[in-house]
N, C-alpha and C. Protein backbone atom coordinates (compact mmCIF):
# COMPACT_ATOMS: atom_id res chain seq x y z
N MET A 1 141.23 103.32 92.42
CA MET A 1 140.97 104.61 92.70
C MET A 1 139.41 104.43 93.16
N SER A 2 138.96 105.09 94.23
CA SER A 2 137.79 105.32 94.71
C SER A 2 136.66 106.15 94.02
N GLU A 3 135.72 105.65 93.84
CA GLU A 3 134.26 106.53 92.90
C GLU A 3 133.88 107.46 94.03
N LYS A 4 133.70 108.76 93.81
CA LYS A 4 132.97 109.78 94.63
C LYS A 4 131.59 109.43 94.36
N LEU A 5 130.83 109.51 95.52
CA LEU A 5 129.42 109.29 95.50
C LEU A 5 128.64 110.61 95.36
N SER A 6 127.64 110.58 94.45
CA SER A 6 126.76 111.80 94.27
C SER A 6 125.88 112.01 95.34
N GLU A 7 125.38 113.30 95.39
CA GLU A 7 124.63 113.66 96.50
C GLU A 7 123.20 112.68 96.61
N LEU A 8 122.68 112.40 95.33
CA LEU A 8 121.55 111.47 95.29
C LEU A 8 121.94 110.04 95.99
N GLN A 9 123.19 109.36 95.66
CA GLN A 9 123.72 107.90 96.39
C GLN A 9 123.79 108.35 97.63
N ILE A 10 124.26 109.27 98.21
CA ILE A 10 124.57 109.86 99.63
C ILE A 10 123.14 109.71 100.50
N VAL A 11 122.28 110.28 99.68
CA VAL A 11 121.00 110.43 100.42
C VAL A 11 119.88 109.16 100.20
N GLN A 12 120.10 108.66 99.08
CA GLN A 12 119.01 107.69 98.64
C GLN A 12 120.04 106.33 98.89
N ASN A 13 120.22 106.17 100.01
CA ASN A 13 121.12 104.99 100.56
C ASN A 13 120.40 104.09 101.70
N PRO A 14 120.27 102.83 101.46
CA PRO A 14 119.43 101.94 102.28
C PRO A 14 120.17 102.06 103.67
N SER A 15 121.35 102.02 104.04
CA SER A 15 121.70 102.30 105.22
C SER A 15 121.01 103.46 106.06
N LEU A 16 121.05 104.46 105.48
CA LEU A 16 120.41 105.68 106.09
C LEU A 16 119.08 105.43 106.23
N GLY A 17 118.45 104.73 105.24
CA GLY A 17 116.98 104.50 105.38
C GLY A 17 116.70 103.57 106.57
N SER A 18 117.63 102.76 106.61
CA SER A 18 117.39 101.81 107.78
C SER A 18 117.41 102.40 109.03
N TYR A 19 118.37 103.36 109.29
CA TYR A 19 118.52 104.34 110.44
C TYR A 19 117.20 105.10 110.53
N LEU A 20 116.81 105.70 109.53
CA LEU A 20 115.47 106.60 109.63
C LEU A 20 114.32 105.68 110.19
N ILE A 21 114.11 104.67 109.56
CA ILE A 21 113.13 103.59 109.84
C ILE A 21 113.17 103.20 111.38
N TRP A 22 114.24 102.99 111.57
CA TRP A 22 114.66 102.64 113.14
C TRP A 22 114.16 103.69 113.94
N GLN A 23 114.67 104.89 113.67
CA GLN A 23 114.16 106.07 114.58
C GLN A 23 112.79 106.34 114.42
N PHE A 24 112.19 106.27 113.52
CA PHE A 24 110.61 106.48 113.14
C PHE A 24 110.17 105.43 114.15
N GLY A 25 110.39 104.12 114.40
CA GLY A 25 109.79 103.21 115.26
C GLY A 25 110.01 103.55 116.59
N LEU A 26 111.19 104.06 116.98
CA LEU A 26 111.54 104.50 118.40
C LEU A 26 110.20 105.49 118.77
N GLY A 27 110.18 106.55 118.00
CA GLY A 27 109.19 107.58 117.96
C GLY A 27 107.73 107.06 118.21
N PHE A 28 107.62 105.99 117.45
CA PHE A 28 106.18 105.61 117.38
C PHE A 28 105.93 104.81 118.81
N GLN A 29 106.98 104.27 119.34
CA GLN A 29 106.87 103.43 120.68
C GLN A 29 107.43 104.29 121.82
N ALA A 30 107.39 105.60 121.74
CA ALA A 30 107.76 106.41 122.75
C ALA A 30 106.82 106.59 124.01
N ASP A 31 105.44 106.58 123.72
CA ASP A 31 104.74 106.51 125.13
C ASP A 31 104.48 105.23 125.52
N ASP A 32 104.25 104.09 124.75
CA ASP A 32 104.06 102.73 125.25
C ASP A 32 104.53 101.91 124.42
N SER A 33 104.33 100.54 124.44
CA SER A 33 105.31 99.57 123.80
C SER A 33 104.38 99.01 122.66
N GLN A 34 103.91 100.08 121.75
CA GLN A 34 103.23 99.72 120.66
C GLN A 34 104.15 99.20 119.52
N ARG A 35 103.71 98.49 118.56
CA ARG A 35 104.58 98.35 117.31
C ARG A 35 103.88 98.86 116.19
N SER A 36 104.64 99.44 115.07
CA SER A 36 104.22 99.75 114.02
C SER A 36 103.92 98.73 112.69
N SER A 37 102.88 99.27 112.16
CA SER A 37 102.36 98.56 111.06
C SER A 37 103.44 98.62 110.10
N PHE A 38 103.78 97.33 109.51
CA PHE A 38 104.88 97.29 108.23
C PHE A 38 104.51 98.34 107.26
N LEU A 39 103.37 98.50 106.93
CA LEU A 39 103.09 99.56 105.68
C LEU A 39 103.71 100.84 106.18
N LEU A 40 103.50 101.32 107.41
CA LEU A 40 104.01 102.59 107.60
C LEU A 40 105.39 102.80 107.59
N ALA A 41 106.33 101.82 107.52
CA ALA A 41 107.72 102.08 107.17
C ALA A 41 107.85 102.58 105.63
N PHE A 42 107.09 102.41 104.88
CA PHE A 42 107.11 102.63 103.50
C PHE A 42 106.92 104.24 103.23
N LEU A 43 106.29 104.96 104.33
CA LEU A 43 106.02 106.23 104.22
C LEU A 43 107.23 107.16 104.79
N VAL A 44 108.30 106.41 105.52
CA VAL A 44 109.18 107.24 105.96
C VAL A 44 110.11 107.94 105.05
N LEU A 45 110.69 107.07 104.25
CA LEU A 45 111.61 107.68 103.37
C LEU A 45 111.02 108.92 102.43
N PRO A 46 109.96 108.56 101.67
CA PRO A 46 109.34 109.42 100.77
C PRO A 46 109.06 111.03 101.32
N LEU A 47 108.80 110.88 102.76
CA LEU A 47 108.52 112.14 103.57
C LEU A 47 109.86 112.81 103.98
N LEU A 48 111.03 111.81 104.33
CA LEU A 48 112.17 112.55 104.91
C LEU A 48 113.21 112.69 104.09
N LEU A 49 113.27 112.00 102.77
CA LEU A 49 114.19 112.16 101.76
C LEU A 49 113.97 113.19 100.77
N HIS A 50 112.81 113.90 101.06
CA HIS A 50 112.38 115.12 100.10
C HIS A 50 112.43 116.35 100.78
N LYS A 51 113.56 117.18 100.57
CA LYS A 51 113.76 118.35 101.62
C LYS A 51 112.90 119.17 101.83
N PRO A 52 112.06 119.77 100.82
CA PRO A 52 110.98 120.61 101.47
C PRO A 52 109.92 119.94 102.58
N THR A 53 109.58 118.48 102.42
CA THR A 53 108.77 118.11 103.17
C THR A 53 109.58 117.81 104.66
N LEU A 54 110.60 117.20 104.43
CA LEU A 54 111.52 117.22 105.78
C LEU A 54 111.57 118.55 106.31
N ASP A 55 111.75 119.73 105.85
CA ASP A 55 111.67 121.04 106.52
C ASP A 55 110.39 121.25 107.15
N LEU A 56 109.24 120.73 106.37
CA LEU A 56 107.87 120.98 107.14
C LEU A 56 107.79 120.04 108.11
N VAL A 57 108.29 118.88 108.23
CA VAL A 57 108.28 118.01 109.30
C VAL A 57 109.00 118.83 110.39
N ALA A 58 110.09 119.25 110.24
CA ALA A 58 111.00 119.80 111.03
C ALA A 58 110.44 121.21 111.72
N SER A 59 109.68 121.77 110.91
CA SER A 59 108.86 122.96 111.45
C SER A 59 107.82 123.02 112.13
N THR A 60 106.96 121.70 112.10
CA THR A 60 105.65 121.53 112.75
C THR A 60 106.23 120.91 113.94
N ARG A 61 105.42 121.30 115.14
CA ARG A 61 105.54 120.92 116.57
C ARG A 61 105.17 119.61 116.72
N LYS A 62 105.60 118.76 117.54
CA LYS A 62 105.37 117.36 117.94
C LYS A 62 104.01 117.38 118.35
N SER A 63 103.62 118.33 118.88
CA SER A 63 102.23 118.32 119.63
C SER A 63 101.23 118.93 118.39
N SER A 64 101.69 119.24 117.39
CA SER A 64 100.54 119.66 116.40
C SER A 64 99.97 118.37 115.79
N GLY A 65 100.63 117.49 115.39
CA GLY A 65 100.20 116.20 115.03
C GLY A 65 100.28 116.20 113.38
N LEU A 66 99.94 114.98 113.15
CA LEU A 66 99.97 114.64 111.47
C LEU A 66 99.05 115.64 110.64
N ALA A 67 97.82 115.84 111.32
CA ALA A 67 96.81 116.52 110.47
C ALA A 67 97.20 117.87 110.27
N LEU A 68 97.99 118.57 111.11
CA LEU A 68 98.39 119.95 110.72
C LEU A 68 99.48 119.92 109.92
N PHE A 69 100.39 119.00 110.03
CA PHE A 69 101.51 118.50 108.95
C PHE A 69 100.99 118.52 107.65
N ALA A 70 100.13 117.76 107.38
CA ALA A 70 99.24 117.42 106.14
C ALA A 70 98.70 118.71 105.75
N ALA A 71 98.06 119.47 106.52
CA ALA A 71 97.52 120.70 106.01
C ALA A 71 98.30 121.77 105.54
N LYS A 72 99.56 121.76 106.26
CA LYS A 72 100.74 122.56 105.91
C LYS A 72 101.45 122.18 104.35
N LEU A 73 101.44 120.82 104.44
CA LEU A 73 101.86 120.14 103.15
C LEU A 73 100.71 120.34 101.84
N GLY A 74 99.60 120.32 102.19
CA GLY A 74 98.52 120.35 101.38
C GLY A 74 98.15 121.79 100.85
N GLU A 75 98.97 122.67 101.38
CA GLU A 75 98.48 124.29 101.10
C GLU A 75 98.89 124.49 99.50
N GLN A 76 99.72 123.68 99.14
CA GLN A 76 100.03 123.43 97.47
C GLN A 76 99.66 121.94 97.24
N HIS A 77 98.29 121.92 96.78
CA HIS A 77 97.81 120.52 96.72
C HIS A 77 98.61 119.44 96.06
N GLU A 78 99.34 119.76 94.95
CA GLU A 78 100.42 118.66 94.43
C GLU A 78 101.61 118.33 95.19
N ASN A 79 101.83 118.89 96.28
CA ASN A 79 102.74 118.55 97.23
C ASN A 79 102.22 117.37 98.16
N LEU A 80 101.10 117.50 98.66
CA LEU A 80 100.42 116.22 99.56
C LEU A 80 100.15 114.94 98.46
N LEU A 81 99.98 115.22 97.09
CA LEU A 81 99.54 114.07 96.25
C LEU A 81 100.89 113.53 95.77
N ALA A 82 101.86 114.44 95.98
CA ALA A 82 103.34 113.80 95.44
C ALA A 82 103.81 112.91 96.46
N VAL A 83 103.24 112.65 97.58
CA VAL A 83 103.67 111.86 98.62
C VAL A 83 103.49 110.24 98.20
N HIS A 84 102.49 110.05 97.63
CA HIS A 84 102.02 108.68 97.27
C HIS A 84 103.20 108.27 95.97
N SER A 85 103.14 109.32 95.11
CA SER A 85 104.05 108.85 94.06
C SER A 85 105.59 108.67 94.23
N ARG A 86 106.14 109.39 95.26
CA ARG A 86 107.31 109.17 95.99
C ARG A 86 107.28 108.15 96.79
N ALA A 87 106.28 107.44 97.31
CA ALA A 87 106.16 106.26 98.08
C ALA A 87 106.40 105.18 96.87
N LEU A 88 105.83 105.48 96.00
CA LEU A 88 106.03 104.06 94.84
C LEU A 88 107.42 104.14 94.27
N ALA A 89 107.72 105.35 94.10
CA ALA A 89 109.20 105.36 93.49
C ALA A 89 110.34 104.71 94.53
N LEU A 90 110.22 104.99 95.84
CA LEU A 90 111.02 104.62 96.71
C LEU A 90 110.79 103.29 97.32
N ARG A 91 109.64 102.52 96.90
CA ARG A 91 109.39 101.40 97.59
C ARG A 91 110.50 100.46 97.53
N ARG A 92 111.10 100.32 96.54
CA ARG A 92 112.42 99.07 96.61
C ARG A 92 113.39 99.70 97.56
N LEU A 93 113.90 101.31 97.58
CA LEU A 93 114.77 101.45 98.68
C LEU A 93 114.34 101.47 100.07
N SER A 94 112.98 101.58 100.17
CA SER A 94 112.33 101.37 101.55
C SER A 94 112.32 99.84 101.90
N LEU A 95 112.19 98.98 101.15
CA LEU A 95 112.20 97.68 101.45
C LEU A 95 113.75 96.98 101.69
N GLN A 96 114.70 97.65 100.79
CA GLN A 96 116.08 97.47 101.26
C GLN A 96 116.53 97.95 102.68
N SER A 97 115.97 99.01 103.11
CA SER A 97 116.13 99.82 104.26
C SER A 97 115.62 98.99 105.35
N ILE A 98 114.40 98.44 105.15
CA ILE A 98 113.73 97.56 106.29
C ILE A 98 114.59 96.24 106.40
N ALA A 99 114.98 95.66 105.22
CA ALA A 99 115.67 94.50 105.48
C ALA A 99 117.08 94.91 106.15
N ILE A 100 117.87 95.74 105.85
CA ILE A 100 119.23 96.10 106.70
C ILE A 100 118.77 96.13 108.15
N ALA A 101 117.62 97.29 108.29
CA ALA A 101 117.25 97.12 109.81
C ALA A 101 117.06 95.94 110.36
N ALA A 102 116.17 95.09 109.76
CA ALA A 102 116.08 93.76 110.53
C ALA A 102 117.50 93.02 110.73
N ASN A 103 118.15 93.12 109.42
CA ASN A 103 119.45 92.22 109.60
C ASN A 103 120.34 92.55 110.52
N ARG A 104 120.42 93.92 110.88
CA ARG A 104 121.30 94.66 111.94
C ARG A 104 120.56 94.62 113.23
N GLY A 105 119.51 94.18 113.32
CA GLY A 105 118.94 94.08 114.75
C GLY A 105 118.37 95.58 115.23
N LEU A 106 118.20 96.34 114.28
CA LEU A 106 117.72 97.53 114.64
C LEU A 106 116.16 97.64 114.89
N VAL A 107 115.44 96.53 113.99
CA VAL A 107 114.13 96.27 113.97
C VAL A 107 113.81 94.74 114.24
N THR A 108 112.55 94.34 114.69
CA THR A 108 112.24 93.06 114.71
C THR A 108 110.86 93.04 113.99
N ILE A 109 110.82 91.97 113.10
CA ILE A 109 109.52 92.15 112.36
C ILE A 109 108.54 91.03 112.74
N ASP A 110 107.31 91.40 112.78
CA ASP A 110 106.23 90.24 113.16
C ASP A 110 105.84 89.86 111.76
N TYR A 111 106.19 88.79 111.17
CA TYR A 111 105.64 88.54 109.72
C TYR A 111 104.38 88.10 109.65
N ASP A 112 103.82 87.48 110.63
CA ASP A 112 102.55 87.05 110.85
C ASP A 112 101.46 88.06 110.86
N GLY A 113 101.85 89.17 111.68
CA GLY A 113 100.95 90.17 112.19
C GLY A 113 101.22 91.42 111.17
N GLY A 114 102.32 91.39 110.51
CA GLY A 114 102.64 92.51 109.80
C GLY A 114 103.05 93.85 110.57
N TYR A 115 103.60 93.50 111.33
CA TYR A 115 104.19 94.78 112.28
C TYR A 115 105.83 94.71 112.30
N PHE A 116 106.17 95.91 112.86
CA PHE A 116 107.70 95.87 113.27
C PHE A 116 107.86 96.73 114.41
N ARG A 117 108.88 96.52 115.14
CA ARG A 117 109.18 96.92 116.41
C ARG A 117 110.48 97.29 116.44
N SER A 118 110.87 98.71 116.73
CA SER A 118 112.41 99.18 116.69
C SER A 118 112.88 98.55 118.03
N ASN A 119 114.13 98.16 118.04
CA ASN A 119 114.97 97.63 119.28
C ASN A 119 115.74 98.78 119.82
N HIS A 120 116.12 98.61 121.09
CA HIS A 120 116.92 99.60 121.80
C HIS A 120 118.22 98.99 121.67
N PRO A 121 119.31 99.80 120.95
CA PRO A 121 120.52 99.42 120.77
C PRO A 121 121.46 99.21 121.89
N ASP A 122 122.30 98.23 121.90
CA ASP A 122 123.38 98.15 123.13
C ASP A 122 124.51 99.23 123.16
N LYS A 123 124.61 99.87 121.75
CA LYS A 123 125.71 100.93 121.49
C LYS A 123 124.96 102.24 121.46
N LYS A 124 125.79 103.52 121.62
CA LYS A 124 125.21 104.59 121.39
C LYS A 124 125.48 104.84 119.90
N ALA A 125 124.69 105.57 119.39
CA ALA A 125 124.62 105.79 117.70
C ALA A 125 125.78 106.59 117.49
N PRO A 126 126.25 106.49 116.39
CA PRO A 126 127.47 107.33 115.91
C PRO A 126 127.26 108.73 115.77
N ALA A 127 128.11 109.59 115.78
CA ALA A 127 128.00 111.03 115.58
C ALA A 127 127.50 111.01 113.94
N LEU A 128 126.41 112.03 113.75
CA LEU A 128 126.07 111.95 112.19
C LEU A 128 126.67 113.15 111.48
N PRO A 129 126.72 113.02 110.05
CA PRO A 129 127.19 114.50 109.34
C PRO A 129 126.13 115.71 109.78
N GLU A 130 126.61 116.86 109.71
CA GLU A 130 125.72 117.83 109.66
C GLU A 130 124.49 117.90 108.76
N ARG A 131 124.71 117.42 107.48
CA ARG A 131 123.66 117.37 106.33
C ARG A 131 122.55 116.55 106.72
N ILE A 132 122.71 115.46 107.63
CA ILE A 132 121.70 114.52 107.91
C ILE A 132 121.01 114.58 109.48
N ARG A 133 121.60 115.44 110.31
CA ARG A 133 121.54 115.55 111.58
C ARG A 133 119.88 115.82 111.88
N GLY A 134 119.29 116.57 111.01
CA GLY A 134 117.80 116.96 111.43
C GLY A 134 116.87 115.63 110.90
N MET A 135 117.35 114.66 110.27
CA MET A 135 116.43 113.56 109.93
C MET A 135 115.98 112.58 110.95
N PRO A 136 116.96 112.27 111.95
CA PRO A 136 116.38 111.20 113.04
C PRO A 136 115.43 111.92 113.83
N PRO A 137 115.70 113.36 114.38
CA PRO A 137 114.38 113.74 115.12
C PRO A 137 112.94 114.06 114.56
N ALA A 138 113.39 114.19 112.99
CA ALA A 138 112.03 114.41 112.19
C ALA A 138 111.53 112.89 112.13
N ALA A 139 112.09 111.90 111.92
CA ALA A 139 111.68 110.62 111.88
C ALA A 139 111.03 110.12 113.25
N GLN A 140 111.64 110.60 114.28
CA GLN A 140 110.72 110.08 115.58
C GLN A 140 109.55 111.01 115.65
N LYS A 141 109.59 112.07 115.43
CA LYS A 141 108.34 113.10 115.42
C LYS A 141 107.31 112.35 114.52
N MET A 142 107.65 112.01 113.35
CA MET A 142 106.70 111.46 112.30
C MET A 142 106.18 110.14 112.98
N GLY A 143 107.15 109.38 113.78
CA GLY A 143 106.48 107.98 114.32
C GLY A 143 105.62 108.30 115.51
N PHE A 144 105.76 109.29 116.23
CA PHE A 144 104.76 109.89 117.45
C PHE A 144 103.51 110.20 116.73
N TRP A 145 103.56 110.97 115.58
CA TRP A 145 102.50 111.39 115.00
C TRP A 145 101.52 110.10 114.67
N PHE A 146 102.29 109.31 113.92
CA PHE A 146 101.53 108.09 113.27
C PHE A 146 101.06 107.19 114.38
N SER A 147 101.69 107.20 115.51
CA SER A 147 101.28 106.37 116.67
C SER A 147 99.84 106.70 117.04
N ARG A 148 99.57 108.08 117.06
CA ARG A 148 98.22 108.60 117.51
C ARG A 148 97.02 108.24 116.57
N MET A 149 97.36 107.65 115.34
CA MET A 149 96.41 107.27 114.38
C MET A 149 96.40 106.06 114.00
N SER A 150 95.17 105.57 113.22
CA SER A 150 95.14 104.30 112.51
C SER A 150 95.74 104.42 111.25
N VAL A 151 96.18 103.07 110.71
CA VAL A 151 96.73 103.02 109.22
C VAL A 151 95.68 103.78 108.32
N HIS A 152 94.48 103.35 108.47
CA HIS A 152 93.60 104.10 107.45
C HIS A 152 93.58 105.54 107.60
N GLN A 153 93.59 106.11 108.91
CA GLN A 153 93.52 107.64 109.08
C GLN A 153 94.81 108.07 108.44
N ILE A 154 95.90 107.72 108.71
CA ILE A 154 97.13 107.94 108.12
C ILE A 154 96.94 107.94 106.57
N ALA A 155 96.53 107.02 105.98
CA ALA A 155 96.59 106.96 104.40
C ALA A 155 95.46 108.12 104.00
N SER A 156 94.44 108.31 104.83
CA SER A 156 93.45 109.17 104.13
C SER A 156 94.04 110.55 104.36
N THR A 157 94.72 111.00 105.54
CA THR A 157 95.32 112.25 105.77
C THR A 157 96.36 112.64 104.57
N LEU A 158 97.12 111.60 104.53
CA LEU A 158 98.40 111.92 103.57
C LEU A 158 98.10 111.44 101.98
N ARG A 159 96.70 111.15 101.83
CA ARG A 159 96.28 110.78 100.49
C ARG A 159 97.20 109.75 99.67
N VAL A 160 97.53 108.56 100.54
CA VAL A 160 98.17 107.52 100.02
C VAL A 160 97.33 106.15 100.08
N GLN A 161 97.83 105.18 99.13
CA GLN A 161 97.04 103.88 99.18
C GLN A 161 97.97 102.98 99.41
N PHE A 162 97.87 101.83 100.20
CA PHE A 162 98.63 100.86 100.47
C PHE A 162 98.20 99.59 99.70
C-alpha cells in the first residue's frame, strides 16, 4: 500500500529544491555568463518554501530589486530576521537539493572557487502542478536580484550570516 505524502513532505522535497536552485541560477545568469556563489543557494529554499515570503517575491517587480523586497519583508521586522533561522533550519534540505541538481546535471559546481552555474537542459521542463507553478519564476527573479549585488550586500540586506 502506498503511503500518502503530507503537504510538508511534498513542499520540503529535495527534488523540488534542486529545481528551484537550478531556476535561481538561470535567473542569476540571465544577462551574462556569471556564476553564483555556492553560499547563495542556501537562501533559495528559505525564501521560496515560506508561502508569505514567496508571495512577497512574486508581488515585487523584477526591476524593483532585492532592496525593495527586503524593505517589504522588513515591514514586520521579525519576518526579515526569520530568514536567517529558516536558512539554518533548511540547510540540510538545501544541501541535498544542491547535490541532486549537480547529480542530474542541472548545475555544475566549481568546488575550488565556491561557485555554481546552472546548465541549460537538453529537454523541456515538465508541466508543474498548479500549487508550485509560481515558484520557478520567483526563483529566477531572486537570481536576477542577487546577480546585481555582492554576497556581502545580499547578506546585509537580508540580515543573514554565512
